Amino acid sequence: MADHATPNLPSRDFEVTARFYGQFGFTESWRDAGWMILARGGLILEFFPYPDLDPATSSFGSCLRLDDVETFYAALEAAGIPEQTTGWPRLHRPKREAWGGLVGALIDPDGSLLRLIQED
């Protein structure tokens, strides 16, 4: 197995988190009372319980480096996640950044920021 990393993100409720991410292809590969792992192809997200988290003050986040950010973003849109500037969950459409990369964002129901970065 090649070296890899998996983000550890908070979840106020594992059921809600699994349902949310399941809308766009993540499936549960592990869950017990203290940990949950969701996978979608090569993307793996790990969650720990944080029932008292206030999403408005969350500073949790991660980068998802994707082979096709537009296709992933389309799956998020198809799941009905709104593109807006406030609230959660929400999307920010991928755009070309000053440094040249194509970057979008997903903010999940717990306020975690997942940057969607096109791998070239």
Protein backbone atom coordinates (compact mmCIF):
# COMPACT_ATOMS: atom_id res chain seq x y z
CA MET A 1 0.00 0.00 0.00
CA ALA A 2 1.27 3.48 -0.87
CA ASP A 3 1.58 6.11 1.82
CA HIS A 4 -1.66 8.01 2.27
CA ALA A 5 -3.55 10.20 4.71
CA THR A 6 -7.18 10.27 5.75
CA PRO A 7 -8.81 13.40 7.17
CA ASN A 8 -10.40 13.10 10.62
CA LEU A 9 -13.52 15.24 10.81
CA PRO A 10 -16.18 15.83 13.47
CA SER A 11 -19.71 14.49 13.30
CA ARG A 12 -22.54 15.58 15.55
CA ASP A 13 -24.48 12.46 14.51
CA PHE A 14 -23.00 9.51 12.59
CA GLU A 15 -26.39 8.65 11.01
CA VAL A 16 -26.81 12.18 9.62
CA THR A 17 -23.21 12.27 8.40
CA ALA A 18 -23.44 8.86 6.68
CA ARG A 19 -26.72 9.84 4.98
CA PHE A 20 -25.31 13.18 3.81
CA TYR A 21 -22.13 11.74 2.29
CA GLY A 22 -24.03 8.72 0.97
CA GLN A 23 -26.02 11.03 -1.33
CA PHE A 24 -22.94 11.43 -3.51
CA GLY A 25 -21.38 8.00 -3.36
CA PHE A 26 -19.64 7.51 -0.02
CA THR A 27 -20.28 4.20 1.73
CA GLU A 28 -19.56 3.12 5.27
CA SER A 29 -16.56 0.86 5.65
CA TRP A 30 -16.37 1.01 9.47
CA ARG A 31 -18.43 2.25 12.37
CA ASP A 32 -18.52 1.81 16.09
CA ALA A 33 -19.56 4.22 18.84
CA GLY A 34 -16.32 6.19 18.62
CA TRP A 35 -15.34 6.20 14.93
CA MET A 36 -16.80 6.04 11.43
CA ILE A 37 -15.01 5.64 8.09
CA LEU A 38 -16.64 6.54 4.76
CA ALA A 39 -15.13 5.78 1.35
CA ARG A 40 -15.81 6.77 -2.25
CA GLY A 41 -13.28 5.19 -4.59
CA GLY A 42 -9.89 6.39 -3.36
CA LEU A 43 -11.38 9.08 -1.09
CA ILE A 44 -11.54 8.11 2.58
CA LEU A 45 -13.00 10.33 5.30
CA GLU A 46 -12.87 9.39 8.97
CA PHE A 47 -15.24 10.86 11.55
CA PHE A 48 -15.19 11.12 15.33
CA PRO A 49 -18.20 11.99 17.49
CA TYR A 50 -18.54 15.63 18.47
CA PRO A 51 -22.20 16.00 19.51
CA ASP A 52 -21.78 19.50 20.97
CA LEU A 53 -20.04 21.01 17.93
CA ASP A 54 -21.36 24.38 16.80
CA PRO A 55 -21.02 24.32 12.97
CA ALA A 56 -20.86 28.13 12.92
CA THR A 57 -17.58 28.06 14.85
CA SER A 58 -16.05 24.90 13.35
CA SER A 59 -12.49 25.25 12.06
CA PHE A 60 -12.22 21.66 10.77
CA GLY A 61 -11.33 21.05 7.16
CA SER A 62 -9.47 19.07 4.56
CA CYS A 63 -8.48 19.10 0.90
CA LEU A 64 -9.87 16.52 -1.50
CA ARG A 65 -7.51 16.28 -4.46
CA LEU A 66 -9.60 14.99 -7.34
CA ASP A 67 -8.88 13.68 -10.83
CA ASP A 68 -12.08 15.36 -12.08
CA VAL A 69 -13.35 18.12 -9.81
CA GLU A 70 -16.20 19.04 -12.21
CA THR A 71 -17.67 15.51 -12.16
CA PHE A 72 -17.43 15.34 -8.36
CA TYR A 73 -19.05 18.77 -8.10
CA ALA A 74 -21.86 17.65 -10.41
CA ALA A 75 -22.56 14.72 -8.05
CA LEU A 76 -22.81 17.19 -5.15
CA GLU A 77 -25.23 19.37 -7.13
CA ALA A 78 -27.29 16.31 -8.10
CA ALA A 79 -27.59 15.48 -4.38
CA GLY A 80 -29.32 18.84 -3.93
CA ILE A 81 -26.61 20.58 -1.94
CA PRO A 82 -27.20 24.30 -2.46
CA GLU A 83 -24.66 26.70 -3.90
CA GLN A 84 -24.80 29.68 -1.54
CA THR A 85 -22.56 31.90 0.56
CA THR A 86 -23.99 31.16 4.02
CA GLY A 87 -25.33 28.19 5.94
CA TRP A 88 -24.46 24.53 5.78
CA PRO A 89 -24.34 22.30 3.99
CA ARG A 90 -23.37 24.38 0.98
CA LEU A 91 -21.24 24.45 -2.15
CA HIS A 92 -18.88 26.92 -3.77
CA ARG A 93 -18.44 26.33 -7.49
CA PRO A 94 -14.89 25.49 -8.65
CA LYS A 95 -13.02 28.47 -10.05
CA ARG A 96 -9.53 29.12 -11.30
CA GLU A 97 -7.41 30.56 -8.49
CA ALA A 98 -4.63 33.16 -8.98
CA TRP A 99 -2.01 30.40 -8.55
CA GLY A 100 -3.60 28.51 -11.49
CA GLY A 101 -5.43 25.70 -9.70
CA LEU A 102 -9.13 24.87 -10.05
CA VAL A 103 -10.68 24.88 -6.55
CA GLY A 104 -14.23 24.55 -5.23
CA ALA A 105 -15.60 23.84 -1.77
CA LEU A 106 -18.11 21.76 0.14
CA ILE A 107 -19.14 22.72 3.66
CA ASP A 108 -20.79 19.73 5.30
CA PRO A 109 -23.66 19.73 7.84
CA ASP A 110 -21.17 20.00 10.71
CA GLY A 111 -19.41 23.03 9.24
CA SER A 112 -16.30 21.18 8.01
CA LEU A 113 -14.71 22.75 4.93
CA LEU A 114 -13.65 20.31 2.22
CA ARG A 115 -11.69 22.06 -0.51
CA LEU A 116 -12.19 20.38 -3.88
CA ILE A 117 -8.92 20.64 -5.78
CA GLN A 118 -8.32 19.53 -9.36
CA GLU A 119 -5.24 17.33 -9.62
CA ASP A 120 -3.33 17.90 -12.83
